[in-house]
Amino acid sequence: MKEREDVVAAVLAAAGGEMTGRVRLQKAVYLMDRLGLESGLSFDYHHYGPFSRDLDNATADAKAFGLVEEEFERRQSDGATYSIFRLKGQPKPEAFGKLGAAKASKLARLFAATNVTVLELAATVDWLSHVEKYADWKSEITKRKGVKVQGGRLEKAVELLAQLNLSPPAVPASA
């Protein structure tokens, strides 16, 4: 049986042993789940899009069991604190689900290198179109995310979803 802390270790291993930011970790696991990670974690909608309290707890467990360490840094721009997660233990092969280690690595490294706002928008677009079933997900994400969708970020998020074969449905012309 796959333990939730092993999922956290597997995602960090797949990312090369490190991932920066709680939002990035949440969105990476959400999108990897959509593609076959089979984490068993439940997600709900939160301020930054799909969010899993289970994943937060799994991360705490992974730290407690010595699989992961979390370091806190401060952004130079505004002093806000962010997390850097580092792998300390080895993940169990079954923790990669149907993805397998190679595919998980490709995905996690892609997500680790993607702008975190673009990753947040991609996960949110997927959530709105796939889970909440918004036909006009574009208007809804603009309403929920405001300025975050500007500057080409929404387009990059949709491109990322296309790259993952998770393209949202076309928005109806009447919407």
N, C-alpha and C. Protein backbone atom coordinates (compact mmCIF):
# COMPACT_ATOMS: atom_id res chain seq x y z
N MET A 1 0.83 -1.19 0.00
CA MET A 1 0.00 0.00 0.00
C MET A 1 0.87 1.25 0.00
N LYS A 2 0.46 2.22 -0.78
CA LYS A 2 1.20 3.47 -0.89
C LYS A 2 0.86 4.37 0.29
N GLU A 3 1.89 4.84 0.99
CA GLU A 3 1.70 5.79 2.09
C GLU A 3 1.81 7.20 1.53
N ARG A 4 1.02 8.11 2.08
CA ARG A 4 0.99 9.47 1.53
C ARG A 4 2.34 10.18 1.63
N GLU A 5 3.13 9.91 2.68
CA GLU A 5 4.44 10.55 2.78
C GLU A 5 5.38 10.07 1.68
N ASP A 6 5.16 8.83 1.21
CA ASP A 6 5.98 8.31 0.10
C ASP A 6 5.68 9.05 -1.20
N VAL A 7 4.45 9.53 -1.35
CA VAL A 7 4.09 10.32 -2.54
C VAL A 7 4.90 11.61 -2.57
N VAL A 8 5.01 12.27 -1.42
CA VAL A 8 5.80 13.51 -1.34
C VAL A 8 7.25 13.22 -1.70
N ALA A 9 7.82 12.16 -1.13
CA ALA A 9 9.20 11.80 -1.44
C ALA A 9 9.36 11.47 -2.92
N ALA A 10 8.39 10.78 -3.50
CA ALA A 10 8.47 10.41 -4.92
C ALA A 10 8.46 11.64 -5.81
N VAL A 11 7.60 12.61 -5.50
CA VAL A 11 7.53 13.82 -6.33
C VAL A 11 8.83 14.61 -6.22
N LEU A 12 9.38 14.71 -5.01
CA LEU A 12 10.66 15.42 -4.86
C LEU A 12 11.78 14.68 -5.57
N ALA A 13 11.81 13.36 -5.47
CA ALA A 13 12.82 12.58 -6.18
C ALA A 13 12.69 12.81 -7.68
N ALA A 14 11.47 12.80 -8.17
CA ALA A 14 11.21 13.00 -9.60
C ALA A 14 11.66 14.37 -10.06
N ALA A 15 11.59 15.35 -9.17
CA ALA A 15 11.99 16.72 -9.51
C ALA A 15 13.50 16.93 -9.40
N GLY A 16 14.24 15.89 -9.07
CA GLY A 16 15.68 16.03 -8.93
C GLY A 16 16.10 16.22 -7.49
N GLY A 17 15.18 15.97 -6.55
CA GLY A 17 15.52 16.03 -5.14
C GLY A 17 15.12 17.31 -4.43
N GLU A 18 14.57 18.26 -5.18
CA GLU A 18 14.23 19.55 -4.56
C GLU A 18 13.08 20.22 -5.31
N MET A 19 12.24 20.90 -4.55
CA MET A 19 11.17 21.70 -5.14
C MET A 19 10.96 22.92 -4.26
N THR A 20 10.81 24.07 -4.91
CA THR A 20 10.64 25.33 -4.19
C THR A 20 9.18 25.74 -4.17
N GLY A 21 8.66 25.92 -2.96
CA GLY A 21 7.34 26.50 -2.78
C GLY A 21 6.22 25.51 -2.54
N ARG A 22 5.38 25.83 -1.56
CA ARG A 22 4.21 25.00 -1.25
C ARG A 22 3.19 25.01 -2.40
N VAL A 23 2.99 26.19 -3.01
CA VAL A 23 2.05 26.27 -4.13
C VAL A 23 2.52 25.38 -5.27
N ARG A 24 3.81 25.42 -5.57
CA ARG A 24 4.35 24.59 -6.66
C ARG A 24 4.14 23.09 -6.35
N LEU A 25 4.43 22.70 -5.12
CA LEU A 25 4.26 21.29 -4.74
C LEU A 25 2.80 20.87 -4.88
N GLN A 26 1.89 21.71 -4.40
CA GLN A 26 0.46 21.40 -4.49
C GLN A 26 0.02 21.23 -5.95
N LYS A 27 0.42 22.17 -6.80
CA LYS A 27 -0.03 22.13 -8.20
C LYS A 27 0.63 20.99 -8.96
N ALA A 28 1.90 20.72 -8.65
CA ALA A 28 2.60 19.61 -9.30
C ALA A 28 1.90 18.29 -8.97
N VAL A 29 1.59 18.07 -7.70
CA VAL A 29 0.94 16.81 -7.31
C VAL A 29 -0.46 16.73 -7.94
N TYR A 30 -1.20 17.84 -7.94
CA TYR A 30 -2.53 17.84 -8.55
C TYR A 30 -2.44 17.42 -10.03
N LEU A 31 -1.56 18.08 -10.78
CA LEU A 31 -1.46 17.77 -12.22
C LEU A 31 -0.90 16.37 -12.45
N MET A 32 0.05 15.95 -11.62
CA MET A 32 0.59 14.60 -11.77
C MET A 32 -0.49 13.55 -11.45
N ASP A 33 -1.35 13.85 -10.50
CA ASP A 33 -2.48 12.97 -10.22
C ASP A 33 -3.38 12.83 -11.44
N ARG A 34 -3.62 13.93 -12.11
CA ARG A 34 -4.47 13.91 -13.31
C ARG A 34 -3.86 13.04 -14.41
N LEU A 35 -2.54 12.85 -14.33
CA LEU A 35 -1.83 12.13 -15.38
C LEU A 35 -1.44 10.70 -14.97
N GLY A 36 -1.82 10.28 -13.74
CA GLY A 36 -1.56 8.90 -13.35
C GLY A 36 -0.75 8.67 -12.09
N LEU A 37 -0.45 9.70 -11.32
CA LEU A 37 0.32 9.51 -10.08
C LEU A 37 -0.44 8.64 -9.07
N GLU A 38 -1.75 8.78 -9.06
CA GLU A 38 -2.60 7.99 -8.14
C GLU A 38 -2.18 8.17 -6.69
N SER A 39 -2.05 9.44 -6.27
CA SER A 39 -1.60 9.73 -4.91
C SER A 39 -2.61 9.32 -3.85
N GLY A 40 -3.89 9.29 -4.21
CA GLY A 40 -4.92 9.00 -3.23
C GLY A 40 -5.27 10.20 -2.36
N LEU A 41 -4.66 11.35 -2.65
CA LEU A 41 -4.92 12.57 -1.89
C LEU A 41 -6.14 13.28 -2.45
N SER A 42 -6.94 13.87 -1.59
CA SER A 42 -8.12 14.60 -2.08
C SER A 42 -7.80 16.09 -2.20
N PHE A 43 -8.37 16.70 -3.22
CA PHE A 43 -8.17 18.12 -3.50
C PHE A 43 -9.50 18.85 -3.46
N ASP A 44 -9.46 20.09 -3.01
CA ASP A 44 -10.59 21.01 -3.03
C ASP A 44 -10.09 22.32 -3.63
N TYR A 45 -11.02 23.21 -3.96
CA TYR A 45 -10.60 24.51 -4.47
C TYR A 45 -10.27 25.43 -3.30
N HIS A 46 -9.17 26.18 -3.43
CA HIS A 46 -8.70 27.11 -2.41
C HIS A 46 -8.22 28.36 -3.13
N HIS A 47 -7.70 29.32 -2.39
CA HIS A 47 -7.27 30.60 -2.97
C HIS A 47 -6.34 30.45 -4.17
N TYR A 48 -5.41 29.51 -4.10
CA TYR A 48 -4.42 29.35 -5.16
C TYR A 48 -4.79 28.22 -6.13
N GLY A 49 -6.07 27.85 -6.16
CA GLY A 49 -6.50 26.78 -7.05
C GLY A 49 -6.64 25.48 -6.30
N PRO A 50 -6.49 24.34 -6.99
CA PRO A 50 -6.63 23.05 -6.33
C PRO A 50 -5.65 22.94 -5.16
N PHE A 51 -6.17 22.51 -4.02
CA PHE A 51 -5.38 22.42 -2.79
C PHE A 51 -5.76 21.15 -2.05
N SER A 52 -4.77 20.48 -1.49
CA SER A 52 -5.00 19.27 -0.73
C SER A 52 -4.49 19.41 0.69
N ARG A 53 -5.41 19.42 1.65
CA ARG A 53 -5.02 19.39 3.06
C ARG A 53 -4.28 18.09 3.33
N ASP A 54 -4.71 17.00 2.64
CA ASP A 54 -4.02 15.72 2.77
C ASP A 54 -2.55 15.84 2.39
N LEU A 55 -2.26 16.60 1.33
CA LEU A 55 -0.87 16.78 0.90
C LEU A 55 -0.09 17.57 1.95
N ASP A 56 -0.69 18.58 2.52
CA ASP A 56 -0.04 19.31 3.61
C ASP A 56 0.32 18.35 4.75
N ASN A 57 -0.63 17.50 5.12
CA ASN A 57 -0.38 16.52 6.19
C ASN A 57 0.66 15.49 5.77
N ALA A 58 0.62 15.08 4.52
CA ALA A 58 1.60 14.12 4.00
C ALA A 58 3.00 14.71 4.04
N THR A 59 3.11 16.00 3.74
CA THR A 59 4.41 16.68 3.78
C THR A 59 4.92 16.72 5.22
N ALA A 60 4.04 17.02 6.16
CA ALA A 60 4.43 17.01 7.58
C ALA A 60 4.88 15.61 8.00
N ASP A 61 4.17 14.59 7.55
CA ASP A 61 4.55 13.21 7.86
C ASP A 61 5.90 12.86 7.24
N ALA A 62 6.10 13.26 6.00
CA ALA A 62 7.37 12.99 5.32
C ALA A 62 8.54 13.63 6.06
N LYS A 63 8.30 14.83 6.59
CA LYS A 63 9.33 15.49 7.40
C LYS A 63 9.56 14.71 8.70
N ALA A 64 8.49 14.31 9.37
CA ALA A 64 8.59 13.59 10.65
C ALA A 64 9.31 12.25 10.49
N PHE A 65 9.11 11.58 9.35
CA PHE A 65 9.73 10.28 9.10
C PHE A 65 11.11 10.39 8.47
N GLY A 66 11.61 11.62 8.31
CA GLY A 66 12.96 11.81 7.80
C GLY A 66 13.10 11.61 6.30
N LEU A 67 11.99 11.64 5.56
CA LEU A 67 12.06 11.50 4.11
C LEU A 67 12.34 12.82 3.42
N VAL A 68 11.92 13.90 4.05
CA VAL A 68 11.96 15.23 3.45
C VAL A 68 12.39 16.25 4.50
N GLU A 69 13.11 17.26 4.07
CA GLU A 69 13.37 18.40 4.95
C GLU A 69 12.81 19.65 4.29
N GLU A 70 12.41 20.60 5.11
CA GLU A 70 11.86 21.86 4.62
C GLU A 70 12.70 22.99 5.19
N GLU A 71 13.19 23.80 4.29
CA GLU A 71 13.98 24.98 4.67
C GLU A 71 13.16 26.21 4.31
N PHE A 72 13.23 27.22 5.14
CA PHE A 72 12.49 28.46 4.88
C PHE A 72 13.45 29.55 4.45
N GLU A 73 13.09 30.24 3.40
CA GLU A 73 13.86 31.37 2.88
C GLU A 73 12.93 32.57 2.78
N ARG A 74 13.51 33.74 2.55
CA ARG A 74 12.71 34.95 2.36
C ARG A 74 12.98 35.54 0.99
N ARG A 75 11.89 35.95 0.33
CA ARG A 75 12.05 36.61 -0.97
C ARG A 75 12.71 37.96 -0.75
N GLN A 76 13.61 38.30 -1.64
CA GLN A 76 14.28 39.60 -1.54
C GLN A 76 13.33 40.74 -1.86
N SER A 77 12.36 40.49 -2.74
CA SER A 77 11.47 41.56 -3.19
C SER A 77 10.57 42.10 -2.08
N ASP A 78 10.06 41.20 -1.24
CA ASP A 78 9.11 41.66 -0.21
C ASP A 78 9.28 41.01 1.15
N GLY A 79 10.24 40.13 1.29
CA GLY A 79 10.49 39.50 2.58
C GLY A 79 9.57 38.34 2.92
N ALA A 80 8.66 38.00 2.01
CA ALA A 80 7.74 36.89 2.27
C ALA A 80 8.51 35.57 2.38
N THR A 81 8.06 34.71 3.26
CA THR A 81 8.70 33.42 3.48
C THR A 81 8.21 32.40 2.45
N TYR A 82 9.12 31.57 1.98
CA TYR A 82 8.75 30.46 1.11
C TYR A 82 9.53 29.22 1.54
N SER A 83 9.07 28.08 1.12
CA SER A 83 9.67 26.80 1.50
C SER A 83 10.49 26.22 0.37
N ILE A 84 11.56 25.55 0.76
CA ILE A 84 12.33 24.72 -0.16
C ILE A 84 12.28 23.31 0.42
N PHE A 85 11.72 22.38 -0.35
CA PHE A 85 11.62 21.00 0.09
C PHE A 85 12.74 20.20 -0.54
N ARG A 86 13.44 19.42 0.30
CA ARG A 86 14.54 18.59 -0.19
C ARG A 86 14.33 17.14 0.25
N LEU A 87 14.63 16.25 -0.66
CA LEU A 87 14.51 14.82 -0.41
C LEU A 87 15.66 14.37 0.48
N LYS A 88 15.35 13.60 1.52
CA LYS A 88 16.37 13.02 2.39
C LYS A 88 16.37 11.50 2.31
N GLY A 89 15.21 10.90 2.04
CA GLY A 89 15.10 9.45 1.96
C GLY A 89 14.83 9.01 0.53
N GLN A 90 14.61 7.74 0.36
CA GLN A 90 14.34 7.20 -0.98
C GLN A 90 12.85 6.86 -1.13
N PRO A 91 12.26 7.24 -2.24
CA PRO A 91 10.85 6.91 -2.45
C PRO A 91 10.68 5.44 -2.81
N LYS A 92 9.52 4.92 -2.51
CA LYS A 92 9.20 3.55 -2.90
C LYS A 92 8.71 3.59 -4.35
N PRO A 93 9.12 2.63 -5.17
CA PRO A 93 8.74 2.63 -6.59
C PRO A 93 7.24 2.74 -6.83
N GLU A 94 6.42 2.12 -5.96
CA GLU A 94 4.97 2.16 -6.16
C GLU A 94 4.39 3.56 -5.94
N ALA A 95 5.16 4.44 -5.31
CA ALA A 95 4.68 5.80 -5.03
C ALA A 95 4.53 6.63 -6.31
N PHE A 96 5.10 6.17 -7.41
CA PHE A 96 4.98 6.89 -8.68
C PHE A 96 3.69 6.54 -9.43
N GLY A 97 2.91 5.61 -8.89
CA GLY A 97 1.65 5.23 -9.51
C GLY A 97 1.84 4.72 -10.93
N LYS A 98 0.86 4.97 -11.78
CA LYS A 98 0.92 4.54 -13.18
C LYS A 98 1.94 5.33 -13.98
N LEU A 99 2.40 6.46 -13.43
CA LEU A 99 3.37 7.28 -14.17
C LEU A 99 4.70 6.56 -14.32
N GLY A 100 5.15 5.87 -13.30
CA GLY A 100 6.48 5.31 -13.29
C GLY A 100 7.49 6.42 -13.04
N ALA A 101 8.69 6.04 -12.64
CA ALA A 101 9.72 7.01 -12.25
C ALA A 101 10.14 7.92 -13.40
N ALA A 102 10.30 7.38 -14.60
CA ALA A 102 10.79 8.19 -15.73
C ALA A 102 9.79 9.27 -16.13
N LYS A 103 8.53 8.89 -16.29
CA LYS A 103 7.50 9.88 -16.66
C LYS A 103 7.29 10.89 -15.53
N ALA A 104 7.29 10.41 -14.28
CA ALA A 104 7.15 11.31 -13.13
C ALA A 104 8.28 12.33 -13.11
N SER A 105 9.48 11.88 -13.43
CA SER A 105 10.64 12.78 -13.44
C SER A 105 10.48 13.85 -14.51
N LYS A 106 10.05 13.44 -15.69
CA LYS A 106 9.85 14.41 -16.78
C LYS A 106 8.84 15.47 -16.36
N LEU A 107 7.73 15.04 -15.76
CA LEU A 107 6.68 15.97 -15.35
C LEU A 107 7.13 16.87 -14.20
N ALA A 108 7.69 16.26 -13.16
CA ALA A 108 8.09 17.04 -11.98
C ALA A 108 9.16 18.07 -12.33
N ARG A 109 10.08 17.70 -13.20
CA ARG A 109 11.12 18.66 -13.61
C ARG A 109 10.52 19.79 -14.45
N LEU A 110 9.54 19.46 -15.28
CA LEU A 110 8.84 20.49 -16.04
C LEU A 110 8.14 21.45 -15.08
N PHE A 111 7.43 20.92 -14.09
CA PHE A 111 6.70 21.77 -13.15
C PHE A 111 7.65 22.58 -12.27
N ALA A 112 8.79 22.00 -11.92
CA ALA A 112 9.77 22.73 -11.10
C ALA A 112 10.36 23.91 -11.87
N ALA A 113 10.41 23.79 -13.20
CA ALA A 113 10.99 24.84 -14.04
C ALA A 113 9.95 25.84 -14.54
N THR A 114 8.67 25.56 -14.33
CA THR A 114 7.60 26.43 -14.82
C THR A 114 7.35 27.56 -13.83
N ASN A 115 7.11 28.75 -14.35
CA ASN A 115 6.73 29.88 -13.50
C ASN A 115 5.57 29.45 -12.61
N VAL A 116 5.68 29.73 -11.31
CA VAL A 116 4.69 29.22 -10.35
C VAL A 116 3.29 29.79 -10.61
N THR A 117 3.19 31.01 -11.10
CA THR A 117 1.87 31.57 -11.41
C THR A 117 1.26 30.86 -12.62
N VAL A 118 2.07 30.56 -13.61
CA VAL A 118 1.60 29.81 -14.78
C VAL A 118 1.14 28.41 -14.33
N LEU A 119 1.90 27.78 -13.45
CA LEU A 119 1.53 26.46 -12.94
C LEU A 119 0.22 26.53 -12.15
N GLU A 120 0.07 27.55 -11.33
CA GLU A 120 -1.17 27.77 -10.58
C GLU A 120 -2.35 27.95 -11.52
N LEU A 121 -2.16 28.75 -12.56
CA LEU A 121 -3.23 28.98 -13.53
C LEU A 121 -3.57 27.70 -14.30
N ALA A 122 -2.56 26.93 -14.67
CA ALA A 122 -2.81 25.68 -15.39
C ALA A 122 -3.64 24.72 -14.54
N ALA A 123 -3.26 24.56 -13.29
CA ALA A 123 -4.01 23.68 -12.40
C ALA A 123 -5.43 24.19 -12.20
N THR A 124 -5.58 25.51 -12.10
CA THR A 124 -6.90 26.10 -11.88
C THR A 124 -7.78 25.95 -13.12
N VAL A 125 -7.23 26.18 -14.30
CA VAL A 125 -8.00 25.98 -15.54
C VAL A 125 -8.48 24.53 -15.59
N ASP A 126 -7.58 23.60 -15.31
CA ASP A 126 -7.97 22.20 -15.33
C ASP A 126 -9.07 21.92 -14.32
N TRP A 127 -8.94 22.46 -13.13
CA TRP A 127 -9.94 22.26 -12.08
C TRP A 127 -11.31 22.82 -12.51
N LEU A 128 -11.28 24.04 -13.03
CA LEU A 128 -12.54 24.69 -13.42
C LEU A 128 -13.24 23.93 -14.55
N SER A 129 -12.45 23.46 -15.53
CA SER A 129 -13.06 22.78 -16.67
C SER A 129 -13.36 21.30 -16.38
N HIS A 130 -12.51 20.65 -15.62
CA HIS A 130 -12.65 19.20 -15.40
C HIS A 130 -13.48 18.86 -14.16
N VAL A 131 -13.28 19.58 -13.06
CA VAL A 131 -13.95 19.25 -11.80
C VAL A 131 -15.24 20.05 -11.64
N GLU A 132 -15.13 21.38 -11.76
CA GLU A 132 -16.32 22.22 -11.58
C GLU A 132 -17.16 22.32 -12.86
N LYS A 133 -16.61 21.84 -13.97
CA LYS A 133 -17.34 21.74 -15.25
C LYS A 133 -17.84 23.08 -15.79
N TYR A 134 -17.04 24.13 -15.62
CA TYR A 134 -17.40 25.43 -16.20
C TYR A 134 -17.20 25.38 -17.70
N ALA A 135 -18.26 25.63 -18.46
CA ALA A 135 -18.13 25.73 -19.92
C ALA A 135 -17.28 26.96 -20.26
N ASP A 136 -17.53 28.06 -19.56
CA ASP A 136 -16.76 29.28 -19.78
C ASP A 136 -15.72 29.42 -18.66
N TRP A 137 -14.78 28.48 -18.65
CA TRP A 137 -13.73 28.49 -17.64
C TRP A 137 -12.86 29.74 -17.74
N LYS A 138 -12.77 30.31 -18.95
CA LYS A 138 -11.93 31.49 -19.16
C LYS A 138 -12.46 32.69 -18.38
N SER A 139 -13.75 32.94 -18.44
CA SER A 139 -14.34 34.04 -17.66
C SER A 139 -14.22 33.77 -16.17
N GLU A 140 -14.42 32.52 -15.79
CA GLU A 140 -14.38 32.17 -14.36
C GLU A 140 -12.97 32.34 -13.79
N ILE A 141 -11.95 31.91 -14.53
CA ILE A 141 -10.59 32.06 -14.01
C ILE A 141 -10.20 33.52 -13.95
N THR A 142 -10.67 34.31 -14.91
CA THR A 142 -10.39 35.75 -14.89
C THR A 142 -11.04 36.39 -13.67
N LYS A 143 -12.24 35.96 -13.34
CA LYS A 143 -12.94 36.48 -12.16
C LYS A 143 -12.19 36.08 -10.88
N ARG A 144 -11.75 34.84 -10.81
CA ARG A 144 -11.11 34.34 -9.59
C ARG A 144 -9.67 34.80 -9.44
N LYS A 145 -8.96 34.92 -10.54
CA LYS A 145 -7.52 35.18 -10.47
C LYS A 145 -7.10 36.60 -10.83
N GLY A 146 -8.00 37.39 -11.39
CA GLY A 146 -7.70 38.80 -11.67
C GLY A 146 -6.46 39.00 -12.51
N VAL A 147 -5.56 39.85 -12.01
CA VAL A 147 -4.38 40.24 -12.78
C VAL A 147 -3.43 39.08 -13.06
N LYS A 148 -3.54 38.00 -12.33
CA LYS A 148 -2.64 36.87 -12.56
C LYS A 148 -2.77 36.32 -13.98
N VAL A 149 -3.96 36.49 -14.59
CA VAL A 149 -4.17 35.94 -15.93
C VAL A 149 -3.55 36.81 -17.02
N GLN A 150 -3.08 37.99 -16.66
CA GLN A 150 -2.56 38.94 -17.65
C GLN A 150 -1.10 38.63 -17.99
N GLY A 151 -0.58 39.38 -18.94
CA GLY A 151 0.82 39.26 -19.32
C GLY A 151 1.17 37.97 -20.02
N GLY A 152 0.17 37.33 -20.64
CA GLY A 152 0.43 36.09 -21.37
C GLY A 152 0.47 34.86 -20.48
N ARG A 153 0.28 35.04 -19.17
CA ARG A 153 0.36 33.89 -18.26
C ARG A 153 -0.75 32.87 -18.48
N LEU A 154 -1.98 33.34 -18.73
CA LEU A 154 -3.08 32.40 -18.97
C LEU A 154 -2.81 31.60 -20.24
N GLU A 155 -2.33 32.26 -21.27
CA GLU A 155 -2.02 31.57 -22.52
C GLU A 155 -0.93 30.51 -22.30
N LYS A 156 0.09 30.86 -21.50
CA LYS A 156 1.15 29.89 -21.20
C LYS A 156 0.61 28.72 -20.40
N ALA A 157 -0.33 28.99 -19.50
CA ALA A 157 -0.95 27.93 -18.71
C ALA A 157 -1.72 26.97 -19.61
N VAL A 158 -2.46 27.51 -20.56
CA VAL A 158 -3.23 26.68 -21.49
C VAL A 158 -2.27 25.88 -22.39
N GLU A 159 -1.16 26.50 -22.79
CA GLU A 159 -0.15 25.79 -23.58
C GLU A 159 0.44 24.63 -22.78
N LEU A 160 0.70 24.87 -21.49
CA LEU A 160 1.22 23.80 -20.63
C LEU A 160 0.22 22.64 -20.57
N LEU A 161 -1.04 22.96 -20.38
CA LEU A 161 -2.06 21.90 -20.35
C LEU A 161 -2.11 21.14 -21.67
N ALA A 162 -1.97 21.84 -22.79
CA ALA A 162 -1.95 21.17 -24.10
C ALA A 162 -0.76 20.23 -24.20
N GLN A 163 0.38 20.68 -23.71
CA GLN A 163 1.60 19.86 -23.70
C GLN A 163 1.38 18.58 -22.88
N LEU A 164 0.54 18.66 -21.86
CA LEU A 164 0.26 17.52 -20.99
C LEU A 164 -0.92 16.67 -21.49
N ASN A 165 -1.51 17.06 -22.62
CA ASN A 165 -2.73 16.43 -23.14
C ASN A 165 -3.91 16.58 -22.18
N LEU A 166 -3.96 17.73 -21.52
CA LEU A 166 -5.06 18.07 -20.61
C LEU A 166 -5.76 19.35 -21.06
N SER A 167 -5.75 19.61 -22.35
CA SER A 167 -6.35 20.84 -22.86
C SER A 167 -7.78 21.00 -22.38
N PRO A 168 -8.14 22.21 -21.94
CA PRO A 168 -9.53 22.45 -21.56
C PRO A 168 -10.39 22.51 -22.81
N PRO A 169 -11.70 22.28 -22.67
CA PRO A 169 -12.57 22.40 -23.84
C PRO A 169 -12.62 23.84 -24.32
N ALA A 170 -12.89 24.00 -25.61
CA ALA A 170 -13.04 25.35 -26.16
C ALA A 170 -14.21 26.04 -25.47
N VAL A 171 -14.03 27.33 -25.21
CA VAL A 171 -15.10 28.11 -24.59
C VAL A 171 -16.15 28.39 -25.66
N PRO A 172 -17.42 28.08 -25.38
CA PRO A 172 -18.48 28.32 -26.37
C PRO A 172 -18.54 29.80 -26.77
N ALA A 173 -18.83 30.05 -28.03
CA ALA A 173 -18.89 31.43 -28.54
C ALA A 173 -19.97 32.24 -27.84
N SER A 174 -21.02 31.60 -27.38
CA SER A 174 -22.11 32.33 -26.71
C SER A 174 -21.75 32.72 -25.28
N ALA A 175 -20.64 32.19 -24.77
CA ALA A 175 -20.25 32.48 -23.37
C ALA A 175 -19.66 33.86 -23.23
